[in-house]
Amino acid sequence: MFYLFHGKDSHSQQEALAKQIAKMGDPAMLDLNTTRLAGYVSIDQLQQATAVMPFLSKYRLVIVRDLFAAKPDKKFIDQLITYLPQMPDSTRLFFLEADVLPASHALVKLAEESENGFVKRFDLPEGPALEKWIREQVAERHGRIQSHAVHLLAANVGSNLAALGNELEKLILYKGEGEEITAADVTLLSPYAAEANIFDLVDAIGSRNSKRASLLLQQKFNEGADPFALFPMFVRQFRLLIQVKELADAGKRPPAIGQELKLHSFVVGKLYQQSQGFSLPQLEHIYRHLLDIDVGAKTGRQDMTTALNLLIAALTL
């Protein structure tokens, strides 16, 4: 009768909710019997929403988002715990929480112990779990995918499951049902894969190879890349390099760095290698330079394309 879905993986929460709703009968009639609440609600509001008998439907559906993010007081929680077992049998109440609730939370314990309750924690998959998720999603869509393509998607899109789902849908439509998705397909169709090319550009900067760095930047422009879309990639790359460099200078190795920064092992390996071409003061100086470019471009003092070309020239001297 009541469900608690909590955790950072909102995409999988929505999928689980959709599967439960699909079991409840006619969607049109169920929609007429659905109440959606968000944030803080009083116990009276919740009782009123859940106590209404369904109209021409078997169930009354109530969905409450991030109620506990609003930090209701102990009196509210006590009243809620007392009320939930008394709800009408026709009501299905879903609590959707973007943050993880502790195991000691009263609602978690009630959902675990009650025959009428259900609780599931949704954590974002990372590393091997993320690659497994990609393979499973492709299989569900009756497609096939190479291991290298899986690796490339996981490394560049990360645990943004909604974005990953969109990329997979696009790739499967492009290849056709049953055809194998390759790394070349991912590079061709996924804008996230374009970010991987920034690694090559930063490699050239780190080795002070001005010719290759300029060539790679011009290649991105020739492909139609928007300078304002490229710039955040530079910012992110050098922010991560600073973080990795600080941890590396403290004696940490890539596996520990990846765990601390929640980054894929492939990404950490590349960043760790690139960080060897810079000192920490150099990286901090570059990051300040990027801030100057950002301010200059937004205030009209600088053209972003020219600024990026000058940045490459300055960094490869």
Protein backbone atom coordinates (compact mmCIF):
# COMPACT_ATOMS: atom_id res chain seq x y z
CA MET A 1 0.00 0.00 0.00
CA PHE A 2 2.93 2.36 0.51
CA TYR A 3 6.31 2.46 -1.21
CA LEU A 4 9.52 4.30 -0.33
CA PHE A 5 11.97 4.81 -3.21
CA HIS A 6 15.06 6.73 -2.08
CA GLY A 7 18.52 7.50 -3.47
CA LYS A 8 20.33 9.50 -6.15
CA ASP A 9 19.25 7.35 -9.11
CA SER A 10 16.06 9.26 -9.95
CA HIS A 11 15.97 7.70 -13.43
CA SER A 12 15.59 4.17 -12.07
CA GLN A 13 13.14 5.44 -9.46
CA GLN A 14 10.93 6.74 -12.26
CA GLU A 15 11.19 3.45 -14.14
CA ALA A 16 10.21 1.49 -11.02
CA LEU A 17 7.29 3.85 -10.40
CA ALA A 18 6.12 3.49 -14.01
CA LYS A 19 6.20 -0.32 -13.73
CA GLN A 20 4.07 -0.23 -10.60
CA ILE A 21 1.58 2.20 -12.15
CA ALA A 22 1.31 0.01 -15.25
CA LYS A 23 -0.10 -2.78 -13.05
CA MET A 24 -2.94 -0.62 -11.73
CA GLY A 25 -5.32 -0.67 -14.67
CA ASP A 26 -6.61 1.86 -17.19
CA PRO A 27 -4.07 4.74 -17.34
CA ALA A 28 -6.74 7.32 -18.21
CA MET A 29 -8.92 6.47 -15.23
CA LEU A 30 -5.92 6.14 -12.94
CA ASP A 31 -4.78 9.61 -13.99
CA LEU A 32 -8.11 10.98 -12.74
CA ASN A 33 -7.42 9.31 -9.42
CA THR A 34 -3.85 10.55 -8.98
CA THR A 35 -2.64 13.22 -6.56
CA ARG A 36 0.91 14.57 -6.75
CA LEU A 37 2.52 16.42 -3.84
CA ALA A 38 6.01 17.83 -3.40
CA GLY A 39 8.10 19.12 -0.54
CA TYR A 40 6.54 19.80 2.84
CA VAL A 41 2.92 18.71 3.28
CA SER A 42 0.94 18.62 6.49
CA ILE A 43 -0.33 15.35 7.91
CA ASP A 44 -3.88 16.60 7.22
CA GLN A 45 -3.07 17.16 3.52
CA LEU A 46 -1.58 13.70 3.25
CA GLN A 47 -4.54 12.06 4.99
CA GLN A 48 -7.03 13.92 2.81
CA ALA A 49 -5.20 12.88 -0.37
CA THR A 50 -4.96 9.22 0.60
CA ALA A 51 -8.38 8.80 2.20
CA VAL A 52 -10.41 9.65 -0.92
CA MET A 53 -12.03 6.59 -2.47
CA PRO A 54 -11.18 5.99 -6.15
CA PHE A 55 -13.64 6.98 -8.88
CA LEU A 56 -14.28 4.29 -11.56
CA SER A 57 -10.89 2.81 -10.74
CA LYS A 58 -9.58 0.15 -8.41
CA TYR A 59 -6.89 2.39 -6.93
CA ARG A 60 -6.24 5.89 -5.65
CA LEU A 61 -2.62 6.87 -6.43
CA VAL A 62 -0.72 9.45 -4.34
CA ILE A 63 2.88 10.41 -5.21
CA VAL A 64 4.88 12.52 -2.75
CA ARG A 65 8.31 13.86 -3.78
CA ASP A 66 11.09 14.86 -1.39
CA LEU A 67 8.87 15.11 1.67
CA PHE A 68 11.77 14.32 3.99
CA ALA A 69 14.10 16.79 2.30
CA ALA A 70 11.82 19.40 3.90
CA LYS A 71 12.80 17.90 7.27
CA PRO A 72 9.38 17.34 8.91
CA ASP A 73 9.47 17.32 12.69
CA LYS A 74 9.21 14.25 14.94
CA LYS A 75 5.51 14.87 15.62
CA PHE A 76 4.75 14.67 11.89
CA ILE A 77 6.77 11.46 11.47
CA ASP A 78 5.11 9.85 14.48
CA GLN A 79 1.68 10.74 13.09
CA LEU A 80 2.65 9.43 9.66
CA ILE A 81 3.90 6.10 11.06
CA THR A 82 0.65 5.71 13.00
CA TYR A 83 -1.52 6.58 9.99
CA LEU A 84 0.06 4.50 7.19
CA PRO A 85 -1.20 1.10 8.39
CA GLN A 86 -4.70 2.59 8.55
CA MET A 87 -4.87 3.81 4.94
CA PRO A 88 -7.71 2.50 2.76
CA ASP A 89 -6.82 -0.72 0.90
CA SER A 90 -7.53 1.07 -2.37
CA THR A 91 -4.74 3.64 -1.88
CA ARG A 92 -1.24 3.28 -3.26
CA LEU A 93 1.12 5.86 -1.75
CA PHE A 94 4.63 6.43 -3.16
CA PHE A 95 7.34 8.43 -1.39
CA LEU A 96 10.10 9.44 -3.84
CA GLU A 97 13.20 10.82 -2.14
CA ALA A 98 16.24 12.16 -4.05
CA ASP A 99 18.52 11.58 -1.05
CA VAL A 100 19.24 8.35 0.80
CA LEU A 101 17.36 7.99 4.07
CA PRO A 102 19.30 6.32 6.91
CA ALA A 103 18.47 2.73 7.83
CA SER A 104 17.37 4.01 11.24
CA HIS A 105 14.71 6.30 9.73
CA ALA A 106 11.24 5.47 11.08
CA LEU A 107 9.67 5.18 7.61
CA VAL A 108 12.47 2.91 6.33
CA LYS A 109 12.00 0.62 9.33
CA LEU A 110 8.21 0.59 8.94
CA ALA A 111 8.43 -0.21 5.22
CA GLU A 112 10.83 -3.06 5.93
CA GLU A 113 8.76 -4.52 8.76
CA SER A 114 5.22 -3.97 7.49
CA GLU A 115 3.48 -6.41 5.14
CA ASN A 116 1.89 -3.42 3.42
CA GLY A 117 5.15 -1.49 2.91
CA PHE A 118 8.03 -1.68 0.44
CA VAL A 119 11.36 0.13 0.44
CA LYS A 120 14.10 0.24 -2.19
CA ARG A 121 17.29 2.25 -2.29
CA PHE A 122 18.41 3.52 -5.71
CA ASP A 123 22.14 4.25 -5.92
CA LEU A 124 23.78 5.48 -9.11
CA PRO A 125 25.78 2.64 -10.69
CA GLU A 126 29.51 3.20 -11.14
CA GLY A 127 32.41 1.28 -12.69
CA PRO A 128 31.53 -2.34 -13.58
CA ALA A 129 27.96 -1.86 -12.33
CA LEU A 130 27.47 1.02 -14.79
CA GLU A 131 28.84 -1.01 -17.70
CA LYS A 132 26.52 -3.88 -16.72
CA TRP A 133 23.59 -1.44 -16.71
CA ILE A 134 24.46 -0.31 -20.26
CA ARG A 135 24.61 -3.90 -21.53
CA GLU A 136 21.29 -4.73 -19.89
CA GLN A 137 19.60 -1.66 -21.37
CA VAL A 138 20.86 -2.52 -24.85
CA ALA A 139 19.64 -6.11 -24.47
CA GLU A 140 16.20 -4.91 -23.32
CA ARG A 141 16.00 -2.84 -26.52
CA HIS A 142 16.96 -5.95 -28.58
CA GLY A 143 20.34 -4.52 -29.56
CA ARG A 144 23.97 -5.58 -29.27
CA ILE A 145 27.01 -3.53 -28.26
CA GLN A 146 30.79 -4.00 -28.35
CA SER A 147 32.73 -3.92 -25.08
CA HIS A 148 34.78 -0.94 -26.29
CA ALA A 149 31.56 0.98 -27.04
CA VAL A 150 30.25 0.18 -23.54
CA HIS A 151 33.53 1.40 -22.06
CA LEU A 152 33.42 4.61 -24.11
CA LEU A 153 29.85 5.45 -23.08
CA ALA A 154 30.51 4.71 -19.41
CA ALA A 155 33.68 6.79 -19.40
CA ASN A 156 32.22 9.83 -21.14
CA VAL A 157 28.57 9.98 -20.09
CA GLY A 158 29.09 8.58 -16.60
CA SER A 159 26.19 7.79 -14.26
CA ASN A 160 23.73 10.18 -15.87
CA LEU A 161 21.29 7.37 -16.65
CA ALA A 162 18.73 9.55 -18.38
CA ALA A 163 21.39 10.83 -20.79
CA LEU A 164 22.76 7.31 -21.25
CA GLY A 165 19.29 6.01 -22.04
CA ASN A 166 18.84 8.71 -24.69
CA GLU A 167 22.22 7.91 -26.24
CA LEU A 168 21.45 4.19 -26.35
CA GLU A 169 18.04 4.79 -27.93
CA LYS A 170 19.66 6.94 -30.60
CA LEU A 171 22.42 4.40 -31.28
CA ILE A 172 19.99 1.47 -31.55
CA LEU A 173 17.72 3.39 -33.94
CA TYR A 174 20.75 4.28 -36.04
CA LYS A 175 22.11 0.74 -36.21
CA GLY A 176 18.80 -1.11 -36.44
CA GLU A 177 17.49 -3.83 -34.16
CA GLY A 178 19.96 -6.66 -33.62
CA GLU A 179 22.94 -4.83 -35.18
CA GLU A 180 26.04 -4.36 -33.04
CA ILE A 181 26.88 -0.87 -31.77
CA THR A 182 30.59 -0.09 -32.17
CA ALA A 183 32.90 2.48 -30.59
CA ALA A 184 32.95 4.27 -33.96
CA ASP A 185 29.15 4.63 -33.78
CA VAL A 186 29.41 6.14 -30.31
CA THR A 187 32.07 8.61 -31.47
CA LEU A 188 29.96 9.55 -34.50
CA LEU A 189 26.61 10.05 -32.78
CA SER A 190 27.23 10.87 -29.13
CA PRO A 191 28.07 14.47 -28.23
CA TYR A 192 29.50 13.15 -24.97
CA ALA A 193 32.18 11.27 -26.92
CA ALA A 194 33.38 14.62 -28.22
CA GLU A 195 34.61 15.36 -24.72
CA ALA A 196 37.00 12.44 -25.01
CA ASN A 197 38.87 14.39 -27.69
CA ILE A 198 39.65 17.00 -25.06
CA PHE A 199 41.92 14.38 -23.48
CA ASP A 200 44.02 14.36 -26.65
CA LEU A 201 44.13 18.13 -26.71
CA VAL A 202 45.25 18.31 -23.08
CA ASP A 203 47.86 15.62 -23.81
CA ALA A 204 49.30 17.87 -26.51
CA ILE A 205 49.27 20.88 -24.15
CA GLY A 206 51.00 18.87 -21.41
CA SER A 207 53.76 17.78 -23.78
CA ARG A 208 54.04 21.39 -25.07
CA ASN A 209 53.26 20.22 -28.60
CA SER A 210 51.84 23.48 -29.94
CA LYS A 211 51.43 22.21 -33.50
CA ARG A 212 49.32 19.20 -32.50
CA ALA A 213 47.32 21.16 -29.91
CA SER A 214 46.45 23.86 -32.47
CA LEU A 215 45.59 21.21 -35.07
CA LEU A 216 43.24 19.40 -32.68
CA LEU A 217 41.52 22.65 -31.71
CA GLN A 218 41.05 23.67 -35.35
CA GLN A 219 39.73 20.18 -36.09
CA LYS A 220 37.02 20.70 -33.47
CA PHE A 221 36.12 24.07 -35.02
CA ASN A 222 36.04 22.54 -38.52
CA GLU A 223 33.63 19.87 -37.24
CA GLY A 224 31.29 22.68 -36.28
CA ALA A 225 31.95 22.65 -32.54
CA ASP A 226 30.62 25.72 -30.73
CA PRO A 227 33.48 27.49 -28.86
CA PHE A 228 31.07 28.12 -25.98
CA ALA A 229 30.37 24.37 -25.82
CA LEU A 230 34.08 23.53 -25.91
CA PHE A 231 35.01 25.97 -23.18
CA PRO A 232 33.19 24.16 -20.31
CA MET A 233 35.05 21.00 -21.34
CA PHE A 234 38.37 22.81 -20.83
CA VAL A 235 37.19 24.11 -17.47
CA ARG A 236 36.06 20.67 -16.30
CA GLN A 237 39.25 19.01 -17.52
CA PHE A 238 41.57 21.39 -15.70
CA ARG A 239 39.41 21.37 -12.56
CA LEU A 240 39.72 17.57 -12.48
CA LEU A 241 43.44 17.79 -13.19
CA ILE A 242 43.91 20.05 -10.16
CA GLN A 243 41.99 17.60 -7.96
CA VAL A 244 43.92 14.60 -9.28
CA LYS A 245 47.26 16.42 -8.99
CA GLU A 246 46.61 17.34 -5.36
CA LEU A 247 45.74 13.74 -4.48
CA ALA A 248 48.66 12.36 -6.49
CA ASP A 249 51.07 14.75 -4.73
CA ALA A 250 49.65 13.43 -1.44
CA GLY A 251 50.79 9.94 -2.48
CA LYS A 252 47.51 8.49 -3.69
CA ARG A 253 47.38 6.12 -6.68
CA PRO A 254 44.69 6.10 -9.42
CA PRO A 255 42.38 3.48 -7.78
CA ALA A 256 42.17 5.51 -4.55
CA ILE A 257 41.80 8.77 -6.49
CA GLY A 258 38.97 7.32 -8.57
CA GLN A 259 37.16 6.17 -5.45
CA GLU A 260 37.50 9.56 -3.76
CA LEU A 261 36.46 11.61 -6.81
CA LYS A 262 33.81 9.10 -7.98
CA LEU A 263 35.38 8.86 -11.45
CA HIS A 264 35.58 5.96 -13.89
CA SER A 265 38.94 4.13 -13.84
CA PHE A 266 39.58 5.00 -17.51
CA VAL A 267 39.09 8.72 -16.84
CA VAL A 268 41.25 8.64 -13.70
CA GLY A 269 44.04 6.85 -15.55
CA LYS A 270 44.11 9.50 -18.26
CA LEU A 271 43.96 12.37 -15.77
CA TYR A 272 46.68 10.85 -13.62
CA GLN A 273 48.94 10.50 -16.64
CA GLN A 274 48.20 14.03 -17.84
CA SER A 275 48.78 15.53 -14.39
CA GLN A 276 52.42 14.46 -14.62
CA GLY A 277 52.96 17.08 -17.34
CA PHE A 278 52.02 19.96 -15.04
CA SER A 279 52.94 21.27 -11.63
CA LEU A 280 50.13 22.22 -9.26
CA PRO A 281 50.97 25.97 -9.50
CA GLN A 282 50.84 25.69 -13.31
CA LEU A 283 47.39 24.09 -13.18
CA GLU A 284 46.11 26.72 -10.76
CA HIS A 285 47.49 29.47 -13.05
CA ILE A 286 45.70 27.89 -16.04
CA TYR A 287 42.45 27.71 -14.08
CA ARG A 288 42.68 31.41 -13.22
CA HIS A 289 43.34 32.12 -16.91
CA LEU A 290 40.16 30.20 -17.78
CA LEU A 291 38.23 32.38 -15.34
CA ASP A 292 39.58 35.50 -17.11
CA ILE A 293 38.47 34.07 -20.47
CA ASP A 294 35.00 33.33 -19.10
CA VAL A 295 34.57 36.86 -17.76
CA GLY A 296 36.01 38.40 -20.94
CA ALA A 297 33.72 36.43 -23.26
CA LYS A 298 30.60 37.10 -21.20
CA THR A 299 31.28 40.83 -20.98
CA GLY A 300 32.08 41.13 -24.69
CA ARG A 301 35.74 42.03 -24.14
CA GLN A 302 36.93 38.82 -25.81
CA ASP A 303 35.90 36.56 -28.66
CA MET A 304 35.73 32.96 -27.42
CA THR A 305 37.30 31.44 -30.55
CA THR A 306 40.23 33.86 -30.43
CA ALA A 307 40.57 33.37 -26.67
CA LEU A 308 40.84 29.57 -27.02
CA ASN A 309 43.45 29.88 -29.76
CA LEU A 310 45.48 32.29 -27.63
CA LEU A 311 45.11 29.95 -24.64
CA ILE A 312 46.57 27.03 -26.60
CA ALA A 313 49.43 29.20 -27.83
CA ALA A 314 50.23 30.44 -24.32
CA LEU A 315 50.10 26.98 -22.74
CA THR A 316 52.39 25.32 -25.26
CA LEU A 317 55.23 27.85 -25.11
